[in-house]
Structure formats: structure tokens, C-alpha cells
Amino acid sequence: MHLTRFTDYGLRTLVYLALEPERLGVIAEIAAAYEISESHMTKVVHRLGQAGLVETLRGRGGGLRLARPASEIGLGQVVRALEPELALVECQAGQFCAIAGMCRLQHICEEAAQAMLGVLDKYKLADVAGPHSKGLKRRLGLLDAGAAD
């Protein structure tokens, strides 16, 4: 099982925004914090907006923020919104398979994918970027290195 880089970047963007929900994030600073290209980050943020996970404010002083509190954003929801295909094997995605209909692999892999999403559904964005995230803030440049824990 492997999530796409796009989904990974989407999760990282949400974590960044959740660490300081009272301020607006800017694509350039998020991209710099994670060492990701701004053009790729722009596509990620656009998709997060389409999924209703972030809201963007245009113009001077604009930026982006979470559309809802981090405690209301489920990780499984994010993955479902961003991941184009959760199939583990090609036959799950409707591709040709010479043994389709005679093999239980498709059903077993579907069960595995649902189990993974079930685990992600147990967690909210706040579980990743909660109040005890000073180390994370520091690493992303949101907190001075000398600030007390």
C-alpha cells in the first residue's frame, strides 16, 4: 500500500495549517517548509479547496486556512478526497485480469484497503497536529528554535 505523493503533500499541508489555525498560511511558505515546488503545492491546495478541506482568501493579506477545526477533519476523509485510486491490484481498478471471477484476491485486497481506511478514520487532523506539537512547529519554521517547550 502506498499513497500518492499528491495525497502526502495534501496531508502535510493540512498539518501545517492545523499547527497555527489562527493565522493564514501562504503557499510559498508551506512549499518552502516542506521543500516542495510552489507549482505542485498550488495544485494540492486547489484540490484541498475543492474537497472543502481548506478555504482560500484572495487579495492582499490573503492566504489559506482550514475550512473546519482540525478536530473535525478525519484522516480517512482526506485520503478519500485526494487519492485517485485506492486499488491494491489492477483488477480492483477494473483492469483486465486473466483469472477474474475465479480468484479471491480482488476481494481480499478490497478488504485490506478498507482496513487501512478504517484505521485512518479513527484519527483526526488534530491527533497529528495537536497542542503538543512544538517540535513539529519548530521543524517547519513556525516557532523559534529557542522557544521553551
N, C-alpha and C. Protein backbone atom coordinates (compact mmCIF):
# COMPACT_ATOMS: atom_id res chain seq x y z
N MET A 1 0.84 -1.18 0.00
CA MET A 1 0.00 0.00 0.00
C MET A 1 0.88 1.24 0.00
N HIS A 2 0.50 2.18 -0.83
CA HIS A 2 1.28 3.39 -0.92
C HIS A 2 0.37 4.52 -1.37
N LEU A 3 0.35 5.60 -0.61
CA LEU A 3 -0.41 6.77 -1.02
C LEU A 3 0.43 7.57 -2.01
N THR A 4 -0.23 8.28 -2.89
CA THR A 4 0.50 9.09 -3.85
C THR A 4 1.19 10.26 -3.15
N ARG A 5 2.17 10.80 -3.82
CA ARG A 5 2.89 11.98 -3.31
C ARG A 5 1.90 13.14 -3.16
N PHE A 6 0.94 13.24 -4.05
CA PHE A 6 -0.06 14.29 -4.00
C PHE A 6 -0.83 14.23 -2.68
N THR A 7 -1.28 13.04 -2.29
CA THR A 7 -2.00 12.87 -1.04
C THR A 7 -1.10 13.17 0.15
N ASP A 8 0.14 12.72 0.09
CA ASP A 8 1.12 13.01 1.14
C ASP A 8 1.25 14.52 1.31
N TYR A 9 1.41 15.25 0.21
CA TYR A 9 1.55 16.70 0.28
C TYR A 9 0.27 17.36 0.80
N GLY A 10 -0.86 16.80 0.45
CA GLY A 10 -2.12 17.32 0.97
C GLY A 10 -2.21 17.16 2.48
N LEU A 11 -1.82 16.00 2.97
CA LEU A 11 -1.81 15.77 4.42
C LEU A 11 -0.84 16.71 5.10
N ARG A 12 0.33 16.88 4.53
CA ARG A 12 1.34 17.79 5.10
C ARG A 12 0.82 19.23 5.14
N THR A 13 0.13 19.65 4.09
CA THR A 13 -0.41 21.00 4.04
C THR A 13 -1.42 21.20 5.15
N LEU A 14 -2.28 20.23 5.35
CA LEU A 14 -3.28 20.33 6.41
C LEU A 14 -2.63 20.35 7.79
N VAL A 15 -1.59 19.56 7.98
CA VAL A 15 -0.86 19.58 9.25
C VAL A 15 -0.29 20.97 9.49
N TYR A 16 0.34 21.53 8.48
CA TYR A 16 0.93 22.86 8.60
C TYR A 16 -0.13 23.88 9.03
N LEU A 17 -1.26 23.87 8.36
CA LEU A 17 -2.32 24.82 8.68
C LEU A 17 -2.91 24.57 10.07
N ALA A 18 -2.96 23.33 10.48
CA ALA A 18 -3.53 22.98 11.78
C ALA A 18 -2.62 23.40 12.94
N LEU A 19 -1.34 23.51 12.67
CA LEU A 19 -0.41 23.88 13.73
C LEU A 19 -0.62 25.30 14.24
N GLU A 20 -1.10 26.17 13.36
CA GLU A 20 -1.39 27.56 13.74
C GLU A 20 -2.69 27.99 13.07
N PRO A 21 -3.81 27.48 13.54
CA PRO A 21 -5.09 27.74 12.87
C PRO A 21 -5.53 29.20 12.91
N GLU A 22 -4.95 29.99 13.80
CA GLU A 22 -5.36 31.39 13.92
C GLU A 22 -4.73 32.29 12.85
N ARG A 23 -3.72 31.78 12.14
CA ARG A 23 -3.09 32.61 11.10
C ARG A 23 -3.31 31.99 9.73
N LEU A 24 -3.23 32.83 8.71
CA LEU A 24 -3.38 32.35 7.34
C LEU A 24 -2.06 31.81 6.83
N GLY A 25 -2.10 30.68 6.19
CA GLY A 25 -0.91 30.12 5.55
C GLY A 25 -0.79 30.65 4.14
N VAL A 26 0.40 30.61 3.62
CA VAL A 26 0.67 31.05 2.25
C VAL A 26 1.36 29.90 1.53
N ILE A 27 0.96 29.66 0.30
CA ILE A 27 1.51 28.54 -0.46
C ILE A 27 3.03 28.56 -0.48
N ALA A 28 3.62 29.73 -0.69
CA ALA A 28 5.08 29.83 -0.78
C ALA A 28 5.75 29.36 0.52
N GLU A 29 5.22 29.73 1.66
CA GLU A 29 5.85 29.34 2.93
C GLU A 29 5.65 27.86 3.23
N ILE A 30 4.49 27.32 2.86
CA ILE A 30 4.25 25.90 3.07
C ILE A 30 5.16 25.08 2.17
N ALA A 31 5.26 25.50 0.91
CA ALA A 31 6.14 24.81 -0.03
C ALA A 31 7.59 24.86 0.45
N ALA A 32 8.01 26.00 0.95
CA ALA A 32 9.39 26.14 1.44
C ALA A 32 9.62 25.27 2.67
N ALA A 33 8.65 25.23 3.57
CA ALA A 33 8.80 24.44 4.79
C ALA A 33 9.00 22.96 4.49
N TYR A 34 8.34 22.47 3.46
CA TYR A 34 8.42 21.06 3.10
C TYR A 34 9.36 20.78 1.92
N GLU A 35 9.97 21.86 1.40
CA GLU A 35 10.87 21.73 0.25
C GLU A 35 10.17 21.07 -0.94
N ILE A 36 9.01 21.64 -1.27
CA ILE A 36 8.17 21.18 -2.37
C ILE A 36 8.01 22.35 -3.33
N SER A 37 7.88 22.08 -4.61
CA SER A 37 7.72 23.17 -5.57
C SER A 37 6.40 23.89 -5.34
N GLU A 38 6.42 25.21 -5.52
CA GLU A 38 5.22 26.01 -5.34
C GLU A 38 4.13 25.62 -6.34
N SER A 39 4.53 25.30 -7.56
CA SER A 39 3.52 24.94 -8.56
C SER A 39 2.79 23.65 -8.16
N HIS A 40 3.53 22.69 -7.64
CA HIS A 40 2.89 21.45 -7.19
C HIS A 40 2.01 21.74 -5.98
N MET A 41 2.51 22.56 -5.06
CA MET A 41 1.73 22.89 -3.87
C MET A 41 0.45 23.63 -4.25
N THR A 42 0.49 24.46 -5.28
CA THR A 42 -0.69 25.17 -5.74
C THR A 42 -1.77 24.19 -6.19
N LYS A 43 -1.37 23.14 -6.89
CA LYS A 43 -2.33 22.11 -7.34
C LYS A 43 -2.93 21.38 -6.14
N VAL A 44 -2.09 21.09 -5.16
CA VAL A 44 -2.56 20.39 -3.95
C VAL A 44 -3.58 21.26 -3.22
N VAL A 45 -3.24 22.54 -3.03
CA VAL A 45 -4.13 23.45 -2.31
C VAL A 45 -5.45 23.62 -3.07
N HIS A 46 -5.37 23.69 -4.38
CA HIS A 46 -6.59 23.80 -5.19
C HIS A 46 -7.50 22.60 -4.94
N ARG A 47 -6.93 21.41 -4.93
CA ARG A 47 -7.73 20.20 -4.70
C ARG A 47 -8.29 20.16 -3.27
N LEU A 48 -7.48 20.60 -2.30
CA LEU A 48 -7.97 20.66 -0.92
C LEU A 48 -9.16 21.62 -0.81
N GLY A 49 -9.10 22.71 -1.56
CA GLY A 49 -10.21 23.65 -1.58
C GLY A 49 -11.45 23.03 -2.22
N GLN A 50 -11.27 22.33 -3.33
CA GLN A 50 -12.39 21.66 -3.99
C GLN A 50 -13.04 20.63 -3.06
N ALA A 51 -12.24 20.00 -2.23
CA ALA A 51 -12.74 18.97 -1.31
C ALA A 51 -13.36 19.58 -0.06
N GLY A 52 -13.31 20.90 0.07
CA GLY A 52 -13.89 21.56 1.23
C GLY A 52 -13.05 21.44 2.49
N LEU A 53 -11.76 21.16 2.32
CA LEU A 53 -10.88 21.00 3.48
C LEU A 53 -10.14 22.29 3.85
N VAL A 54 -9.92 23.15 2.87
CA VAL A 54 -9.32 24.46 3.14
C VAL A 54 -10.16 25.53 2.45
N GLU A 55 -10.04 26.72 2.97
CA GLU A 55 -10.65 27.85 2.29
C GLU A 55 -9.55 28.85 1.99
N THR A 56 -9.67 29.48 0.84
CA THR A 56 -8.65 30.42 0.41
C THR A 56 -9.24 31.83 0.40
N LEU A 57 -8.41 32.76 0.79
CA LEU A 57 -8.80 34.17 0.80
C LEU A 57 -7.87 34.88 -0.15
N ARG A 58 -8.43 35.48 -1.17
CA ARG A 58 -7.64 36.14 -2.21
C ARG A 58 -7.31 37.57 -1.81
N GLY A 59 -6.35 38.12 -2.56
CA GLY A 59 -6.01 39.53 -2.40
C GLY A 59 -4.96 39.77 -1.35
N ARG A 60 -4.70 41.07 -1.14
CA ARG A 60 -3.68 41.47 -0.17
C ARG A 60 -4.05 40.96 1.22
N GLY A 61 -3.10 40.37 1.89
CA GLY A 61 -3.36 39.80 3.21
C GLY A 61 -4.09 38.48 3.15
N GLY A 62 -4.23 37.91 1.95
CA GLY A 62 -4.93 36.64 1.80
C GLY A 62 -4.06 35.46 2.15
N GLY A 63 -4.60 34.31 1.97
CA GLY A 63 -3.90 33.07 2.27
C GLY A 63 -4.90 31.94 2.37
N LEU A 64 -4.53 30.93 3.12
CA LEU A 64 -5.43 29.80 3.27
C LEU A 64 -5.46 29.33 4.70
N ARG A 65 -6.56 28.69 5.02
CA ARG A 65 -6.75 28.15 6.37
C ARG A 65 -7.65 26.92 6.27
N LEU A 66 -7.69 26.18 7.34
CA LEU A 66 -8.57 25.02 7.39
C LEU A 66 -10.02 25.49 7.28
N ALA A 67 -10.82 24.73 6.59
CA ALA A 67 -12.23 25.06 6.43
C ALA A 67 -13.02 24.73 7.70
N ARG A 68 -12.49 23.82 8.50
CA ARG A 68 -13.11 23.41 9.77
C ARG A 68 -12.00 23.18 10.78
N PRO A 69 -12.33 23.11 12.04
CA PRO A 69 -11.30 22.80 13.03
C PRO A 69 -10.64 21.44 12.76
N ALA A 70 -9.37 21.35 13.10
CA ALA A 70 -8.62 20.10 12.89
C ALA A 70 -9.27 18.92 13.59
N SER A 71 -9.99 19.17 14.65
CA SER A 71 -10.66 18.09 15.38
C SER A 71 -11.85 17.52 14.61
N GLU A 72 -12.23 18.18 13.52
CA GLU A 72 -13.36 17.73 12.71
C GLU A 72 -12.94 17.18 11.35
N ILE A 73 -11.64 17.13 11.09
CA ILE A 73 -11.15 16.65 9.80
C ILE A 73 -10.51 15.28 10.00
N GLY A 74 -11.17 14.26 9.48
CA GLY A 74 -10.67 12.89 9.61
C GLY A 74 -9.60 12.58 8.57
N LEU A 75 -8.59 11.84 8.97
CA LEU A 75 -7.53 11.48 8.04
C LEU A 75 -8.05 10.59 6.91
N GLY A 76 -8.96 9.71 7.22
CA GLY A 76 -9.55 8.87 6.18
C GLY A 76 -10.30 9.70 5.16
N GLN A 77 -11.00 10.72 5.63
CA GLN A 77 -11.72 11.63 4.74
C GLN A 77 -10.75 12.32 3.78
N VAL A 78 -9.62 12.75 4.30
CA VAL A 78 -8.62 13.44 3.48
C VAL A 78 -8.09 12.50 2.40
N VAL A 79 -7.74 11.28 2.80
CA VAL A 79 -7.20 10.32 1.85
C VAL A 79 -8.22 10.00 0.77
N ARG A 80 -9.47 9.79 1.16
CA ARG A 80 -10.51 9.51 0.16
C ARG A 80 -10.68 10.68 -0.82
N ALA A 81 -10.55 11.91 -0.31
CA ALA A 81 -10.73 13.09 -1.16
C ALA A 81 -9.57 13.30 -2.13
N LEU A 82 -8.38 12.89 -1.75
CA LEU A 82 -7.19 13.20 -2.56
C LEU A 82 -6.65 12.03 -3.36
N GLU A 83 -6.86 10.84 -2.88
CA GLU A 83 -6.27 9.67 -3.53
C GLU A 83 -7.11 9.27 -4.74
N PRO A 84 -6.52 9.27 -5.93
CA PRO A 84 -7.31 8.98 -7.13
C PRO A 84 -7.77 7.53 -7.21
N GLU A 85 -7.02 6.62 -6.64
CA GLU A 85 -7.35 5.20 -6.75
C GLU A 85 -6.78 4.47 -5.55
N LEU A 86 -7.62 3.77 -4.85
CA LEU A 86 -7.17 3.03 -3.67
C LEU A 86 -7.02 1.54 -3.95
N ALA A 87 -7.07 1.17 -5.21
CA ALA A 87 -6.94 -0.24 -5.58
C ALA A 87 -5.53 -0.73 -5.31
N LEU A 88 -5.43 -1.91 -4.73
CA LEU A 88 -4.13 -2.51 -4.47
C LEU A 88 -3.65 -3.37 -5.63
N VAL A 89 -4.59 -3.92 -6.36
CA VAL A 89 -4.27 -4.73 -7.54
C VAL A 89 -5.09 -4.22 -8.71
N GLU A 90 -4.62 -4.45 -9.91
CA GLU A 90 -5.26 -3.88 -11.11
C GLU A 90 -6.71 -4.31 -11.28
N CYS A 91 -7.03 -5.53 -10.89
CA CYS A 91 -8.41 -5.99 -11.09
C CYS A 91 -9.39 -5.21 -10.22
N GLN A 92 -8.93 -4.65 -9.11
CA GLN A 92 -9.79 -3.81 -8.28
C GLN A 92 -10.16 -2.53 -9.02
N ALA A 93 -9.28 -2.08 -9.87
CA ALA A 93 -9.48 -0.83 -10.61
C ALA A 93 -10.19 -1.07 -11.94
N GLY A 94 -10.68 -2.28 -12.14
CA GLY A 94 -11.41 -2.60 -13.36
C GLY A 94 -10.54 -2.96 -14.55
N GLN A 95 -9.27 -3.18 -14.30
CA GLN A 95 -8.35 -3.58 -15.38
C GLN A 95 -8.54 -5.06 -15.70
N PHE A 96 -8.12 -5.44 -16.89
CA PHE A 96 -8.23 -6.84 -17.30
C PHE A 96 -7.40 -7.74 -16.39
N CYS A 97 -7.96 -8.87 -16.09
CA CYS A 97 -7.24 -9.90 -15.34
C CYS A 97 -7.67 -11.26 -15.89
N ALA A 98 -6.72 -12.08 -16.25
CA ALA A 98 -7.00 -13.38 -16.86
C ALA A 98 -7.74 -14.33 -15.92
N ILE A 99 -7.66 -14.10 -14.61
CA ILE A 99 -8.32 -15.01 -13.68
C ILE A 99 -9.49 -14.35 -12.94
N ALA A 100 -9.96 -13.23 -13.47
CA ALA A 100 -11.09 -12.53 -12.86
C ALA A 100 -12.27 -13.46 -12.71
N GLY A 101 -12.93 -13.40 -11.58
CA GLY A 101 -14.09 -14.24 -11.33
C GLY A 101 -13.75 -15.60 -10.76
N MET A 102 -12.48 -15.98 -10.79
CA MET A 102 -12.06 -17.29 -10.27
C MET A 102 -11.11 -17.14 -9.09
N CYS A 103 -10.80 -15.93 -8.74
CA CYS A 103 -9.78 -15.66 -7.74
C CYS A 103 -10.37 -14.76 -6.65
N ARG A 104 -9.98 -14.97 -5.43
CA ARG A 104 -10.49 -14.17 -4.32
C ARG A 104 -9.59 -12.98 -4.01
N LEU A 105 -8.49 -12.82 -4.75
CA LEU A 105 -7.53 -11.77 -4.45
C LEU A 105 -8.17 -10.38 -4.48
N GLN A 106 -9.02 -10.12 -5.45
CA GLN A 106 -9.66 -8.81 -5.55
C GLN A 106 -10.43 -8.49 -4.26
N HIS A 107 -11.18 -9.43 -3.76
CA HIS A 107 -11.97 -9.21 -2.55
C HIS A 107 -11.09 -9.06 -1.32
N ILE A 108 -10.02 -9.83 -1.26
CA ILE A 108 -9.10 -9.74 -0.12
C ILE A 108 -8.40 -8.38 -0.12
N CYS A 109 -7.98 -7.92 -1.27
CA CYS A 109 -7.31 -6.61 -1.37
C CYS A 109 -8.28 -5.48 -1.07
N GLU A 110 -9.52 -5.63 -1.46
CA GLU A 110 -10.53 -4.63 -1.11
C GLU A 110 -10.70 -4.56 0.40
N GLU A 111 -10.71 -5.72 1.04
CA GLU A 111 -10.83 -5.76 2.50
C GLU A 111 -9.62 -5.08 3.15
N ALA A 112 -8.43 -5.31 2.60
CA ALA A 112 -7.22 -4.69 3.13
C ALA A 112 -7.27 -3.16 2.98
N ALA A 113 -7.71 -2.68 1.84
CA ALA A 113 -7.82 -1.23 1.62
C ALA A 113 -8.84 -0.62 2.58
N GLN A 114 -9.94 -1.30 2.79
CA GLN A 114 -10.95 -0.81 3.73
C GLN A 114 -10.43 -0.81 5.16
N ALA A 115 -9.60 -1.80 5.49
CA ALA A 115 -9.00 -1.85 6.84
C ALA A 115 -8.07 -0.65 7.03
N MET A 116 -7.27 -0.32 6.01
CA MET A 116 -6.38 0.83 6.10
C MET A 116 -7.19 2.11 6.31
N LEU A 117 -8.24 2.28 5.52
CA LEU A 117 -9.08 3.46 5.69
C LEU A 117 -9.77 3.47 7.05
N GLY A 118 -10.12 2.30 7.54
CA GLY A 118 -10.73 2.20 8.86
C GLY A 118 -9.80 2.71 9.95
N VAL A 119 -8.52 2.39 9.84
CA VAL A 119 -7.54 2.90 10.81
C VAL A 119 -7.43 4.42 10.68
N LEU A 120 -7.31 4.91 9.46
CA LEU A 120 -7.22 6.36 9.26
C LEU A 120 -8.47 7.08 9.77
N ASP A 121 -9.62 6.43 9.65
CA ASP A 121 -10.87 7.03 10.12
C ASP A 121 -10.90 7.20 11.64
N LYS A 122 -10.06 6.51 12.35
CA LYS A 122 -10.01 6.63 13.81
C LYS A 122 -9.32 7.92 14.25
N TYR A 123 -8.61 8.57 13.34
CA TYR A 123 -7.80 9.72 13.70
C TYR A 123 -8.25 10.99 13.00
N LYS A 124 -8.10 12.08 13.70
CA LYS A 124 -8.40 13.40 13.18
C LYS A 124 -7.09 14.14 12.94
N LEU A 125 -7.17 15.19 12.17
CA LEU A 125 -6.00 16.02 11.91
C LEU A 125 -5.42 16.55 13.23
N ALA A 126 -6.26 16.82 14.19
CA ALA A 126 -5.80 17.30 15.50
C ALA A 126 -4.93 16.26 16.22
N ASP A 127 -5.09 14.99 15.90
CA ASP A 127 -4.24 13.97 16.52
C ASP A 127 -2.81 14.07 16.03
N VAL A 128 -2.63 14.60 14.83
CA VAL A 128 -1.30 14.75 14.25
C VAL A 128 -0.69 16.10 14.63
N ALA A 129 -1.53 17.13 14.59
CA ALA A 129 -1.05 18.50 14.82
C ALA A 129 -1.74 19.10 16.02
N GLY A 130 -1.68 18.40 17.13
CA GLY A 130 -2.35 18.85 18.33
C GLY A 130 -1.54 19.82 19.16
N PRO A 131 -1.97 20.06 20.36
CA PRO A 131 -1.34 21.05 21.22
C PRO A 131 0.09 20.70 21.66
N HIS A 132 0.49 19.47 21.50
CA HIS A 132 1.84 19.06 21.90
C HIS A 132 2.76 18.95 20.70
N SER A 133 2.63 19.86 19.78
CA SER A 133 3.36 19.78 18.51
C SER A 133 4.45 20.83 18.37
N LYS A 134 5.06 21.25 19.48
CA LYS A 134 6.09 22.29 19.40
C LYS A 134 7.28 21.86 18.56
N GLY A 135 7.66 20.61 18.65
CA GLY A 135 8.77 20.11 17.84
C GLY A 135 8.45 20.20 16.35
N LEU A 136 7.24 19.88 16.01
CA LEU A 136 6.78 19.96 14.63
C LEU A 136 6.77 21.42 14.15
N LYS A 137 6.26 22.30 14.99
CA LYS A 137 6.26 23.73 14.65
C LYS A 137 7.68 24.24 14.44
N ARG A 138 8.55 23.84 15.32
CA ARG A 138 9.94 24.28 15.22
C ARG A 138 10.56 23.78 13.91
N ARG A 139 10.35 22.52 13.57
CA ARG A 139 10.91 21.93 12.36
C ARG A 139 10.41 22.64 11.11
N LEU A 140 9.17 23.10 11.14
CA LEU A 140 8.57 23.75 9.98
C LEU A 140 8.78 25.26 9.97
N GLY A 141 9.53 25.78 10.95
CA GLY A 141 9.82 27.20 10.99
C GLY A 141 8.70 28.06 11.53
N LEU A 142 7.77 27.44 12.26
CA LEU A 142 6.65 28.17 12.83
C LEU A 142 6.91 28.60 14.27
N LEU A 143 8.05 28.21 14.80
CA LEU A 143 8.38 28.51 16.19
C LEU A 143 9.88 28.74 16.26
N ASP A 144 10.30 29.71 17.01
CA ASP A 144 11.74 29.96 17.17
C ASP A 144 12.42 28.76 17.79
N ALA A 145 13.63 28.48 17.34
CA ALA A 145 14.38 27.33 17.85
C ALA A 145 14.63 27.43 19.33
N GLY A 146 14.70 28.63 19.88
CA GLY A 146 14.98 28.82 21.32
C GLY A 146 13.76 28.85 22.19
N ALA A 147 12.57 28.74 21.63
CA ALA A 147 11.35 28.81 22.42
C ALA A 147 11.24 27.63 23.37
N ALA A 148 10.76 27.90 24.56
CA ALA A 148 10.63 26.86 25.59
C ALA A 148 9.49 25.92 25.24
N ASP A 149 9.63 24.65 25.64
CA ASP A 149 8.58 23.66 25.39
C ASP A 149 7.50 23.70 26.43
